Amino acid sequence: MKVALIDYGAGNVASVERALQRLGVESVTASTPKCMAEASTLILPGVGHFAALIRALDERNLRAPLLDALHGGVPFLGICLGLQALYDSSEEAPELCGLQLLTGKIRALPACVKLPHMGWNQLRLTNASQLLEGVTPDAHFYFAHSYAAMAGDGNAGAVATCTHGSEFIAVLENHNINAVQFHPEKSGPAGARLLQNFLRLVA
């Protein structure tokens, strides 16, 4: 199996690549429309600002081939900002349109808690999950974000939530589109199991 990591110039591609290598999986970077169109499995690692990701996708002409791939059923895993990009828009950059695959707006976590939400936290399973199969209920995952898709606001495909000031969507499974708000590549054995489950689903 060969997995294409979408490289928009600012993501944590290298760390995800290393995590896949530890699982014995080869990956390539996809940074052109041609690479995107040829991919059979896509992962979008995202860190940083919503505007940086969306503008980079548009400047590199990657939005259309990415949407074509996802509408065509290509398996996809979005990580952190890669989850947020699936929505209509974000309060972090309200002037920009997201990929608009999921309805709703990404919102800021409440200012009453320490931001960014950085470190380990637990999930609350809300629906049956293929990505979390075999992951123990007390498992912790590594988060690093200040914005999120709030629970109850654009919930299509949500299977697990997390709470930091407010309850937000932590795991999405919507047909071929999967996404997590945390970083599985930094989440130890639980993160490795999630990546294995995704790869098993697309094998």
N, C-alpha and C. Protein backbone atom coordinates (compact mmCIF):
# COMPACT_ATOMS: atom_id res chain seq x y z
N MET A 1 0.84 -1.19 0.00
CA MET A 1 0.00 0.00 0.00
C MET A 1 0.88 1.25 0.00
N LYS A 2 0.48 2.23 -0.81
CA LYS A 2 1.21 3.50 -0.83
C LYS A 2 0.22 4.63 -0.50
N VAL A 3 0.55 5.39 0.52
CA VAL A 3 -0.32 6.46 1.00
C VAL A 3 0.25 7.80 0.57
N ALA A 4 -0.59 8.68 0.07
CA ALA A 4 -0.15 10.02 -0.34
C ALA A 4 -0.43 11.02 0.78
N LEU A 5 0.62 11.70 1.23
CA LEU A 5 0.50 12.74 2.25
C LEU A 5 0.44 14.09 1.54
N ILE A 6 -0.64 14.80 1.74
CA ILE A 6 -0.83 16.09 1.07
C ILE A 6 0.13 17.10 1.68
N ASP A 7 1.04 17.61 0.85
CA ASP A 7 2.06 18.57 1.30
C ASP A 7 1.71 19.94 0.76
N TYR A 8 1.20 20.80 1.65
CA TYR A 8 0.85 22.16 1.23
C TYR A 8 1.88 23.17 1.72
N GLY A 9 3.00 22.67 2.23
CA GLY A 9 4.11 23.55 2.58
C GLY A 9 4.19 23.93 4.04
N ALA A 10 3.19 23.56 4.84
CA ALA A 10 3.22 23.97 6.24
C ALA A 10 2.74 22.89 7.19
N GLY A 11 2.45 21.71 6.70
CA GLY A 11 1.93 20.64 7.55
C GLY A 11 3.03 19.83 8.20
N ASN A 12 2.63 18.95 9.10
CA ASN A 12 3.60 18.09 9.79
C ASN A 12 3.76 16.78 9.02
N VAL A 13 4.11 16.91 7.73
CA VAL A 13 4.20 15.75 6.85
C VAL A 13 5.24 14.76 7.35
N ALA A 14 6.42 15.26 7.74
CA ALA A 14 7.52 14.38 8.12
C ALA A 14 7.17 13.49 9.30
N SER A 15 6.48 14.03 10.32
CA SER A 15 6.17 13.23 11.49
C SER A 15 5.14 12.15 11.17
N VAL A 16 4.20 12.47 10.29
CA VAL A 16 3.22 11.45 9.87
C VAL A 16 3.91 10.39 9.02
N GLU A 17 4.82 10.82 8.17
CA GLU A 17 5.59 9.88 7.35
C GLU A 17 6.35 8.89 8.22
N ARG A 18 6.97 9.40 9.28
CA ARG A 18 7.72 8.52 10.20
C ARG A 18 6.79 7.55 10.93
N ALA A 19 5.61 8.04 11.31
CA ALA A 19 4.65 7.17 11.98
C ALA A 19 4.20 6.04 11.07
N LEU A 20 4.01 6.33 9.79
CA LEU A 20 3.63 5.30 8.83
C LEU A 20 4.78 4.32 8.61
N GLN A 21 6.00 4.84 8.57
CA GLN A 21 7.17 3.97 8.40
C GLN A 21 7.27 2.96 9.54
N ARG A 22 6.96 3.42 10.77
CA ARG A 22 7.01 2.51 11.91
C ARG A 22 5.98 1.38 11.78
N LEU A 23 4.94 1.63 10.99
CA LEU A 23 3.92 0.62 10.75
C LEU A 23 4.21 -0.20 9.50
N GLY A 24 5.36 0.09 8.87
CA GLY A 24 5.75 -0.65 7.67
C GLY A 24 5.03 -0.20 6.42
N VAL A 25 4.54 1.03 6.40
CA VAL A 25 3.77 1.53 5.26
C VAL A 25 4.56 2.60 4.53
N GLU A 26 4.65 2.47 3.22
CA GLU A 26 5.34 3.45 2.39
C GLU A 26 4.40 4.61 2.07
N SER A 27 4.95 5.81 2.03
CA SER A 27 4.14 6.98 1.69
C SER A 27 4.88 7.85 0.69
N VAL A 28 4.11 8.66 -0.02
CA VAL A 28 4.66 9.65 -0.95
C VAL A 28 4.02 10.99 -0.61
N THR A 29 4.65 12.06 -1.02
CA THR A 29 4.05 13.38 -0.83
C THR A 29 3.29 13.78 -2.08
N ALA A 30 2.16 14.39 -1.88
CA ALA A 30 1.33 14.89 -2.98
C ALA A 30 1.27 16.40 -2.88
N SER A 31 1.95 17.08 -3.78
CA SER A 31 2.00 18.55 -3.73
C SER A 31 1.59 19.19 -5.04
N THR A 32 1.11 18.40 -5.99
CA THR A 32 0.66 18.93 -7.28
C THR A 32 -0.70 18.33 -7.61
N PRO A 33 -1.46 18.99 -8.48
CA PRO A 33 -2.75 18.43 -8.90
C PRO A 33 -2.61 17.03 -9.48
N LYS A 34 -1.54 16.77 -10.22
CA LYS A 34 -1.34 15.45 -10.83
C LYS A 34 -1.17 14.38 -9.75
N CYS A 35 -0.34 14.67 -8.75
CA CYS A 35 -0.15 13.72 -7.65
C CYS A 35 -1.47 13.46 -6.93
N MET A 36 -2.25 14.51 -6.72
CA MET A 36 -3.52 14.36 -6.03
C MET A 36 -4.47 13.47 -6.84
N ALA A 37 -4.50 13.69 -8.13
CA ALA A 37 -5.40 12.94 -8.99
C ALA A 37 -5.04 11.47 -9.06
N GLU A 38 -3.76 11.16 -8.86
CA GLU A 38 -3.29 9.77 -8.98
C GLU A 38 -3.33 9.01 -7.66
N ALA A 39 -3.64 9.70 -6.56
CA ALA A 39 -3.58 9.08 -5.24
C ALA A 39 -4.73 8.11 -5.02
N SER A 40 -4.43 6.99 -4.36
CA SER A 40 -5.47 6.02 -4.02
C SER A 40 -5.88 6.13 -2.56
N THR A 41 -5.06 6.77 -1.73
CA THR A 41 -5.35 7.03 -0.33
C THR A 41 -4.70 8.36 0.04
N LEU A 42 -5.42 9.22 0.73
CA LEU A 42 -4.90 10.56 1.04
C LEU A 42 -4.94 10.84 2.54
N ILE A 43 -3.87 11.44 3.04
CA ILE A 43 -3.84 11.94 4.41
C ILE A 43 -3.45 13.43 4.35
N LEU A 44 -4.22 14.26 5.04
CA LEU A 44 -3.92 15.69 5.12
C LEU A 44 -3.49 16.02 6.54
N PRO A 45 -2.16 16.09 6.79
CA PRO A 45 -1.67 16.51 8.10
C PRO A 45 -1.74 18.03 8.18
N GLY A 46 -2.33 18.54 9.25
CA GLY A 46 -2.47 19.99 9.33
C GLY A 46 -2.00 20.55 10.65
N VAL A 47 -1.20 21.58 10.60
CA VAL A 47 -0.82 22.34 11.79
C VAL A 47 -0.83 23.82 11.43
N GLY A 48 -0.97 24.66 12.45
CA GLY A 48 -0.89 26.10 12.20
C GLY A 48 -2.24 26.75 12.03
N HIS A 49 -2.30 27.72 11.12
CA HIS A 49 -3.45 28.59 10.95
C HIS A 49 -4.34 28.11 9.81
N PHE A 50 -5.65 28.19 10.03
CA PHE A 50 -6.63 27.79 9.00
C PHE A 50 -6.37 28.51 7.68
N ALA A 51 -6.08 29.81 7.75
CA ALA A 51 -5.86 30.59 6.53
C ALA A 51 -4.66 30.09 5.76
N ALA A 52 -3.60 29.70 6.46
CA ALA A 52 -2.39 29.23 5.79
C ALA A 52 -2.68 27.97 4.99
N LEU A 53 -3.44 27.06 5.57
CA LEU A 53 -3.76 25.81 4.87
C LEU A 53 -4.63 26.08 3.66
N ILE A 54 -5.73 26.81 3.84
CA ILE A 54 -6.67 27.04 2.75
C ILE A 54 -6.01 27.83 1.61
N ARG A 55 -5.25 28.87 1.97
CA ARG A 55 -4.59 29.65 0.92
C ARG A 55 -3.55 28.82 0.18
N ALA A 56 -2.83 27.97 0.91
CA ALA A 56 -1.83 27.13 0.26
C ALA A 56 -2.49 26.14 -0.70
N LEU A 57 -3.60 25.54 -0.29
CA LEU A 57 -4.31 24.63 -1.20
C LEU A 57 -4.75 25.35 -2.46
N ASP A 58 -5.26 26.58 -2.31
CA ASP A 58 -5.72 27.33 -3.47
C ASP A 58 -4.57 27.81 -4.34
N GLU A 59 -3.49 28.30 -3.72
CA GLU A 59 -2.35 28.79 -4.49
C GLU A 59 -1.68 27.68 -5.28
N ARG A 60 -1.73 26.46 -4.75
CA ARG A 60 -1.11 25.32 -5.42
C ARG A 60 -2.10 24.57 -6.31
N ASN A 61 -3.31 25.13 -6.44
CA ASN A 61 -4.37 24.53 -7.27
C ASN A 61 -4.69 23.10 -6.82
N LEU A 62 -4.72 22.90 -5.50
CA LEU A 62 -4.99 21.57 -4.98
C LEU A 62 -6.43 21.39 -4.52
N ARG A 63 -7.19 22.47 -4.38
CA ARG A 63 -8.56 22.35 -3.87
C ARG A 63 -9.41 21.47 -4.79
N ALA A 64 -9.44 21.79 -6.08
CA ALA A 64 -10.30 21.05 -7.01
C ALA A 64 -9.94 19.58 -7.11
N PRO A 65 -8.65 19.22 -7.29
CA PRO A 65 -8.34 17.78 -7.36
C PRO A 65 -8.58 17.05 -6.04
N LEU A 66 -8.42 17.76 -4.92
CA LEU A 66 -8.71 17.13 -3.62
C LEU A 66 -10.21 16.85 -3.51
N LEU A 67 -11.03 17.82 -3.87
CA LEU A 67 -12.48 17.61 -3.81
C LEU A 67 -12.92 16.53 -4.79
N ASP A 68 -12.32 16.51 -5.98
CA ASP A 68 -12.65 15.47 -6.96
C ASP A 68 -12.33 14.09 -6.39
N ALA A 69 -11.17 13.98 -5.74
CA ALA A 69 -10.78 12.70 -5.15
C ALA A 69 -11.75 12.25 -4.07
N LEU A 70 -12.11 13.18 -3.20
CA LEU A 70 -13.00 12.82 -2.09
C LEU A 70 -14.41 12.51 -2.58
N HIS A 71 -14.90 13.30 -3.54
CA HIS A 71 -16.22 13.01 -4.11
C HIS A 71 -16.19 11.68 -4.87
N GLY A 72 -15.00 11.30 -5.36
CA GLY A 72 -14.86 10.06 -6.10
C GLY A 72 -14.64 8.84 -5.21
N GLY A 73 -14.64 9.04 -3.90
CA GLY A 73 -14.54 7.92 -2.98
C GLY A 73 -13.15 7.55 -2.51
N VAL A 74 -12.14 8.37 -2.81
CA VAL A 74 -10.77 8.06 -2.35
C VAL A 74 -10.74 8.16 -0.82
N PRO A 75 -10.23 7.13 -0.14
CA PRO A 75 -10.14 7.18 1.32
C PRO A 75 -9.27 8.34 1.79
N PHE A 76 -9.72 9.02 2.84
CA PHE A 76 -9.07 10.24 3.31
C PHE A 76 -9.02 10.25 4.82
N LEU A 77 -7.89 10.72 5.35
CA LEU A 77 -7.76 10.97 6.79
C LEU A 77 -7.23 12.38 6.99
N GLY A 78 -8.01 13.22 7.64
CA GLY A 78 -7.57 14.57 7.98
C GLY A 78 -7.10 14.60 9.42
N ILE A 79 -5.97 15.26 9.66
CA ILE A 79 -5.39 15.33 11.01
C ILE A 79 -5.37 16.78 11.48
N CYS A 80 -5.96 17.03 12.65
CA CYS A 80 -5.97 18.35 13.29
C CYS A 80 -6.59 19.39 12.36
N LEU A 81 -5.80 20.28 11.81
CA LEU A 81 -6.33 21.28 10.88
C LEU A 81 -6.92 20.61 9.64
N GLY A 82 -6.48 19.39 9.37
CA GLY A 82 -7.05 18.63 8.26
C GLY A 82 -8.50 18.25 8.50
N LEU A 83 -8.92 18.17 9.76
CA LEU A 83 -10.34 18.01 10.09
C LEU A 83 -11.07 19.32 9.91
N GLN A 84 -10.50 20.39 10.43
CA GLN A 84 -11.18 21.70 10.38
C GLN A 84 -11.41 22.17 8.96
N ALA A 85 -10.50 21.85 8.05
CA ALA A 85 -10.61 22.29 6.66
C ALA A 85 -11.81 21.70 5.95
N LEU A 86 -12.37 20.61 6.47
CA LEU A 86 -13.52 19.97 5.82
C LEU A 86 -14.79 20.80 5.92
N TYR A 87 -14.83 21.73 6.86
CA TYR A 87 -16.06 22.49 7.13
C TYR A 87 -16.20 23.71 6.23
N ASP A 88 -17.35 24.38 6.36
CA ASP A 88 -17.64 25.55 5.52
C ASP A 88 -16.64 26.67 5.74
N SER A 89 -16.32 26.95 7.01
CA SER A 89 -15.47 28.09 7.32
C SER A 89 -14.95 27.96 8.75
N SER A 90 -14.13 28.93 9.16
CA SER A 90 -13.58 28.93 10.51
C SER A 90 -13.55 30.36 11.05
N GLU A 91 -13.82 30.50 12.33
CA GLU A 91 -13.69 31.80 12.98
C GLU A 91 -12.25 32.30 12.96
N GLU A 92 -11.31 31.39 12.75
CA GLU A 92 -9.90 31.78 12.71
C GLU A 92 -9.59 32.60 11.46
N ALA A 93 -10.35 32.39 10.38
CA ALA A 93 -10.17 33.12 9.13
C ALA A 93 -11.53 33.20 8.43
N PRO A 94 -12.44 34.01 8.96
CA PRO A 94 -13.83 34.01 8.47
C PRO A 94 -13.99 34.46 7.03
N GLU A 95 -12.97 35.09 6.47
CA GLU A 95 -13.07 35.55 5.09
C GLU A 95 -12.84 34.44 4.07
N LEU A 96 -12.40 33.28 4.53
CA LEU A 96 -12.06 32.18 3.62
C LEU A 96 -13.07 31.04 3.71
N CYS A 97 -13.30 30.37 2.59
CA CYS A 97 -14.17 29.21 2.55
C CYS A 97 -13.33 27.95 2.74
N GLY A 98 -13.80 27.06 3.61
CA GLY A 98 -13.16 25.77 3.75
C GLY A 98 -13.52 24.88 2.57
N LEU A 99 -13.27 23.60 2.70
CA LEU A 99 -13.57 22.67 1.61
C LEU A 99 -15.06 22.42 1.46
N GLN A 100 -15.86 22.79 2.47
CA GLN A 100 -17.32 22.75 2.42
C GLN A 100 -17.86 21.34 2.16
N LEU A 101 -17.14 20.35 2.67
CA LEU A 101 -17.62 18.98 2.60
C LEU A 101 -18.54 18.65 3.77
N LEU A 102 -18.39 19.39 4.86
CA LEU A 102 -19.24 19.25 6.03
C LEU A 102 -19.82 20.61 6.38
N THR A 103 -21.08 20.61 6.80
CA THR A 103 -21.76 21.86 7.12
C THR A 103 -21.40 22.33 8.52
N GLY A 104 -21.11 23.63 8.63
CA GLY A 104 -20.83 24.19 9.94
C GLY A 104 -19.59 25.06 9.92
N LYS A 105 -19.38 25.74 11.04
CA LYS A 105 -18.24 26.65 11.18
C LYS A 105 -17.35 26.18 12.33
N ILE A 106 -16.04 26.18 12.08
CA ILE A 106 -15.07 25.90 13.14
C ILE A 106 -15.05 27.10 14.09
N ARG A 107 -15.12 26.82 15.40
CA ARG A 107 -15.22 27.90 16.38
C ARG A 107 -14.07 27.86 17.38
N ALA A 108 -13.82 29.01 17.98
CA ALA A 108 -12.76 29.10 18.98
C ALA A 108 -13.19 28.38 20.25
N LEU A 109 -12.24 27.69 20.87
CA LEU A 109 -12.49 27.14 22.19
C LEU A 109 -12.66 28.30 23.18
N PRO A 110 -13.42 28.10 24.24
CA PRO A 110 -13.71 29.22 25.15
C PRO A 110 -12.47 29.76 25.84
N ALA A 111 -12.48 31.06 26.04
CA ALA A 111 -11.32 31.73 26.64
C ALA A 111 -11.18 31.45 28.13
N CYS A 112 -12.15 30.75 28.74
CA CYS A 112 -12.09 30.46 30.17
C CYS A 112 -11.12 29.33 30.49
N VAL A 113 -10.59 28.67 29.45
CA VAL A 113 -9.61 27.59 29.68
C VAL A 113 -8.29 27.99 29.03
N LYS A 114 -7.24 27.31 29.42
CA LYS A 114 -5.92 27.61 28.86
C LYS A 114 -5.87 27.25 27.39
N LEU A 115 -5.42 28.20 26.59
CA LEU A 115 -5.30 27.99 25.15
C LEU A 115 -3.86 28.25 24.71
N PRO A 116 -3.39 27.49 23.72
CA PRO A 116 -4.11 26.42 23.04
C PRO A 116 -4.34 25.21 23.95
N HIS A 117 -5.30 24.39 23.55
CA HIS A 117 -5.50 23.09 24.18
C HIS A 117 -4.35 22.22 23.72
N MET A 118 -3.35 22.08 24.56
CA MET A 118 -2.12 21.38 24.17
C MET A 118 -1.78 20.33 25.20
N GLY A 119 -1.72 19.09 24.76
CA GLY A 119 -1.37 18.00 25.65
C GLY A 119 -2.34 16.85 25.49
N TRP A 120 -2.36 15.99 26.51
CA TRP A 120 -3.09 14.73 26.43
C TRP A 120 -4.50 14.87 26.98
N ASN A 121 -5.43 14.22 26.29
CA ASN A 121 -6.82 14.25 26.73
C ASN A 121 -7.52 12.97 26.28
N GLN A 122 -8.65 12.68 26.92
CA GLN A 122 -9.40 11.48 26.60
C GLN A 122 -10.58 11.78 25.69
N LEU A 123 -11.07 10.74 25.04
CA LEU A 123 -12.21 10.85 24.14
C LEU A 123 -13.45 10.30 24.81
N ARG A 124 -14.60 10.73 24.31
CA ARG A 124 -15.89 10.14 24.69
C ARG A 124 -16.52 9.58 23.43
N LEU A 125 -16.65 8.27 23.37
CA LEU A 125 -17.22 7.62 22.19
C LEU A 125 -18.72 7.91 22.13
N THR A 126 -19.20 8.40 20.98
CA THR A 126 -20.61 8.74 20.83
C THR A 126 -21.31 7.84 19.82
N ASN A 127 -20.55 7.16 18.98
CA ASN A 127 -21.09 6.22 18.00
C ASN A 127 -20.06 5.12 17.77
N ALA A 128 -20.51 4.02 17.19
CA ALA A 128 -19.58 2.95 16.84
C ALA A 128 -18.50 3.50 15.93
N SER A 129 -17.25 3.08 16.17
CA SER A 129 -16.12 3.65 15.43
C SER A 129 -15.21 2.56 14.91
N GLN A 130 -14.92 2.62 13.62
CA GLN A 130 -13.94 1.72 13.03
C GLN A 130 -12.51 2.20 13.31
N LEU A 131 -12.31 3.52 13.34
CA LEU A 131 -10.97 4.06 13.59
C LEU A 131 -10.50 3.75 15.01
N LEU A 132 -11.42 3.68 15.96
CA LEU A 132 -11.06 3.49 17.36
C LEU A 132 -11.20 2.03 17.80
N GLU A 133 -11.40 1.13 16.86
CA GLU A 133 -11.53 -0.28 17.21
C GLU A 133 -10.25 -0.77 17.90
N GLY A 134 -10.41 -1.40 19.04
CA GLY A 134 -9.27 -1.92 19.78
C GLY A 134 -8.57 -0.90 20.66
N VAL A 135 -9.01 0.36 20.62
CA VAL A 135 -8.43 1.40 21.49
C VAL A 135 -9.19 1.39 22.82
N THR A 136 -8.48 1.31 23.91
CA THR A 136 -9.13 1.22 25.22
C THR A 136 -9.84 2.52 25.58
N PRO A 137 -10.94 2.44 26.32
CA PRO A 137 -11.71 3.65 26.68
C PRO A 137 -10.90 4.69 27.45
N ASP A 138 -9.86 4.24 28.18
CA ASP A 138 -9.07 5.19 28.97
C ASP A 138 -7.86 5.74 28.21
N ALA A 139 -7.79 5.47 26.91
CA ALA A 139 -6.65 5.94 26.11
C ALA A 139 -6.63 7.47 26.03
N HIS A 140 -5.42 8.02 25.98
CA HIS A 140 -5.24 9.46 25.83
C HIS A 140 -4.61 9.75 24.46
N PHE A 141 -5.00 10.89 23.89
CA PHE A 141 -4.46 11.33 22.61
C PHE A 141 -3.90 12.74 22.75
N TYR A 142 -2.97 13.08 21.87
CA TYR A 142 -2.26 14.37 21.98
C TYR A 142 -2.92 15.43 21.11
N PHE A 143 -3.34 16.52 21.74
CA PHE A 143 -4.01 17.63 21.06
C PHE A 143 -3.12 18.87 21.04
N ALA A 144 -3.32 19.71 20.03
CA ALA A 144 -2.64 21.02 19.95
C ALA A 144 -3.47 21.93 19.07
N HIS A 145 -4.44 22.65 19.67
CA HIS A 145 -5.34 23.49 18.86
C HIS A 145 -6.07 24.49 19.75
N SER A 146 -6.59 25.53 19.11
CA SER A 146 -7.39 26.54 19.80
C SER A 146 -8.78 26.66 19.19
N TYR A 147 -9.01 25.99 18.07
CA TYR A 147 -10.30 26.01 17.37
C TYR A 147 -10.76 24.58 17.15
N ALA A 148 -12.07 24.40 16.98
CA ALA A 148 -12.59 23.04 16.84
C ALA A 148 -13.99 23.07 16.24
N ALA A 149 -14.42 21.91 15.78
CA ALA A 149 -15.81 21.72 15.36
C ALA A 149 -16.60 21.34 16.61
N MET A 150 -17.48 22.22 17.03
CA MET A 150 -18.17 22.00 18.29
C MET A 150 -19.21 20.89 18.17
N ALA A 151 -19.33 20.09 19.20
CA ALA A 151 -20.34 19.04 19.23
C ALA A 151 -21.72 19.68 19.11
N GLY A 152 -22.56 19.10 18.26
CA GLY A 152 -23.88 19.65 18.04
C GLY A 152 -23.93 20.71 16.96
N ASP A 153 -22.78 21.01 16.34
CA ASP A 153 -22.72 22.04 15.30
C ASP A 153 -22.02 21.45 14.07
N GLY A 154 -22.80 20.83 13.19
CA GLY A 154 -22.20 20.16 12.05
C GLY A 154 -21.65 18.81 12.45
N ASN A 155 -22.54 17.93 12.94
CA ASN A 155 -22.11 16.69 13.57
C ASN A 155 -22.04 15.50 12.62
N ALA A 156 -22.17 15.71 11.33
CA ALA A 156 -22.22 14.59 10.39
C ALA A 156 -20.99 13.70 10.53
N GLY A 157 -21.22 12.45 10.90
CA GLY A 157 -20.13 11.49 10.97
C GLY A 157 -19.35 11.49 12.27
N ALA A 158 -19.72 12.32 13.24
CA ALA A 158 -18.97 12.36 14.50
C ALA A 158 -19.14 11.06 15.26
N VAL A 159 -18.02 10.47 15.69
CA VAL A 159 -18.09 9.22 16.46
C VAL A 159 -17.47 9.36 17.84
N ALA A 160 -16.71 10.43 18.08
CA ALA A 160 -16.12 10.66 19.40
C ALA A 160 -15.90 12.14 19.62
N THR A 161 -16.05 12.56 20.86
CA THR A 161 -15.83 13.95 21.22
C THR A 161 -14.76 14.03 22.31
N CYS A 162 -14.35 15.26 22.58
CA CYS A 162 -13.42 15.55 23.67
C CYS A 162 -13.87 16.86 24.28
N THR A 163 -13.48 17.13 25.50
CA THR A 163 -13.89 18.36 26.17
C THR A 163 -12.68 19.14 26.67
N HIS A 164 -12.64 20.41 26.29
CA HIS A 164 -11.68 21.37 26.85
C HIS A 164 -12.39 22.71 26.86
N GLY A 165 -13.06 23.01 27.95
CA GLY A 165 -13.90 24.20 28.01
C GLY A 165 -15.25 23.93 27.39
N SER A 166 -15.29 23.41 26.17
CA SER A 166 -16.50 22.99 25.48
C SER A 166 -16.28 21.61 24.88
N GLU A 167 -17.36 20.93 24.62
CA GLU A 167 -17.28 19.62 23.97
C GLU A 167 -17.13 19.82 22.47
N PHE A 168 -16.14 19.18 21.89
CA PHE A 168 -15.91 19.34 20.46
C PHE A 168 -15.70 17.97 19.81
N ILE A 169 -15.81 17.93 18.50
CA ILE A 169 -15.68 16.69 17.75
C ILE A 169 -14.21 16.30 17.67
N ALA A 170 -13.91 15.08 18.08
CA ALA A 170 -12.53 14.59 18.07
C ALA A 170 -12.27 13.58 16.96
N VAL A 171 -13.31 12.84 16.56
CA VAL A 171 -13.16 11.84 15.50
C VAL A 171 -14.40 11.86 14.61
N LEU A 172 -14.15 11.87 13.30
CA LEU A 172 -15.21 11.84 12.29
C LEU A 172 -15.02 10.63 11.39
N GLU A 173 -16.11 9.97 11.06
CA GLU A 173 -16.10 8.91 10.06
C GLU A 173 -17.33 9.10 9.19
N ASN A 174 -17.14 9.58 7.98
CA ASN A 174 -18.26 9.90 7.09
C ASN A 174 -17.96 9.31 5.72
N HIS A 175 -18.40 8.05 5.53
CA HIS A 175 -18.12 7.32 4.29
C HIS A 175 -16.60 7.21 4.11
N ASN A 176 -16.05 7.75 3.03
CA ASN A 176 -14.60 7.65 2.79
C ASN A 176 -13.82 8.75 3.50
N ILE A 177 -14.52 9.69 4.12
CA ILE A 177 -13.87 10.83 4.76
C ILE A 177 -13.75 10.58 6.26
N ASN A 178 -12.51 10.50 6.74
CA ASN A 178 -12.22 10.31 8.16
C ASN A 178 -11.36 11.48 8.63
N ALA A 179 -11.50 11.85 9.89
CA ALA A 179 -10.68 12.95 10.39
C ALA A 179 -10.62 12.91 11.91
N VAL A 180 -9.51 13.40 12.44
CA VAL A 180 -9.31 13.46 13.89
C VAL A 180 -8.76 14.84 14.26
N GLN A 181 -9.19 15.35 15.41
CA GLN A 181 -8.71 16.66 15.83
C GLN A 181 -7.34 16.57 16.50
N PHE A 182 -7.01 15.42 17.03
CA PHE A 182 -5.72 15.23 17.69
C PHE A 182 -4.66 14.78 16.69
N HIS A 183 -3.45 14.53 17.19
CA HIS A 183 -2.35 14.08 16.34
C HIS A 183 -2.05 12.61 16.63
N PRO A 184 -2.55 11.68 15.83
CA PRO A 184 -2.27 10.27 16.09
C PRO A 184 -0.79 9.94 16.01
N GLU A 185 -0.05 10.66 15.17
CA GLU A 185 1.38 10.40 15.01
C GLU A 185 2.18 10.78 16.26
N LYS A 186 1.55 11.52 17.18
CA LYS A 186 2.20 11.92 18.42
C LYS A 186 1.52 11.30 19.65
N SER A 187 0.63 10.35 19.40
CA SER A 187 -0.22 9.82 20.47
C SER A 187 0.14 8.41 20.91
N GLY A 188 1.38 8.01 20.69
CA GLY A 188 1.84 6.72 21.20
C GLY A 188 1.08 5.54 20.64
N PRO A 189 0.96 4.45 21.44
CA PRO A 189 0.32 3.23 20.96
C PRO A 189 -1.13 3.44 20.51
N ALA A 190 -1.88 4.29 21.20
CA ALA A 190 -3.28 4.52 20.81
C ALA A 190 -3.36 5.18 19.43
N GLY A 191 -2.48 6.14 19.19
CA GLY A 191 -2.44 6.79 17.88
C GLY A 191 -2.00 5.84 16.79
N ALA A 192 -1.03 4.99 17.11
CA ALA A 192 -0.57 4.00 16.14
C ALA A 192 -1.70 3.03 15.78
N ARG A 193 -2.49 2.65 16.79
CA ARG A 193 -3.60 1.73 16.52
C ARG A 193 -4.63 2.40 15.61
N LEU A 194 -4.91 3.68 15.84
CA LEU A 194 -5.86 4.39 14.98
C LEU A 194 -5.35 4.42 13.54
N LEU A 195 -4.08 4.73 13.35
CA LEU A 195 -3.52 4.74 12.00
C LEU A 195 -3.59 3.35 11.37
N GLN A 196 -3.30 2.32 12.15
CA GLN A 196 -3.42 0.95 11.65
C GLN A 196 -4.85 0.64 11.22
N ASN A 197 -5.81 1.08 12.02
CA ASN A 197 -7.21 0.83 11.68
C ASN A 197 -7.59 1.53 10.38
N PHE A 198 -7.12 2.78 10.20
CA PHE A 198 -7.41 3.49 8.95
C PHE A 198 -6.80 2.75 7.76
N LEU A 199 -5.56 2.32 7.91
CA LEU A 199 -4.89 1.62 6.82
C LEU A 199 -5.56 0.28 6.52
N ARG A 200 -6.04 -0.37 7.55
CA ARG A 200 -6.77 -1.64 7.36
C ARG A 200 -8.06 -1.40 6.58
N LEU A 201 -8.73 -0.30 6.86
CA LEU A 201 -9.98 0.01 6.16
C LEU A 201 -9.78 0.26 4.68
N VAL A 202 -8.61 0.80 4.32
CA VAL A 202 -8.40 1.19 2.92
C VAL A 202 -7.57 0.16 2.16
N ALA A 203 -7.12 -0.87 2.85
CA ALA A 203 -6.26 -1.88 2.18
C ALA A 203 -7.03 -2.64 1.09
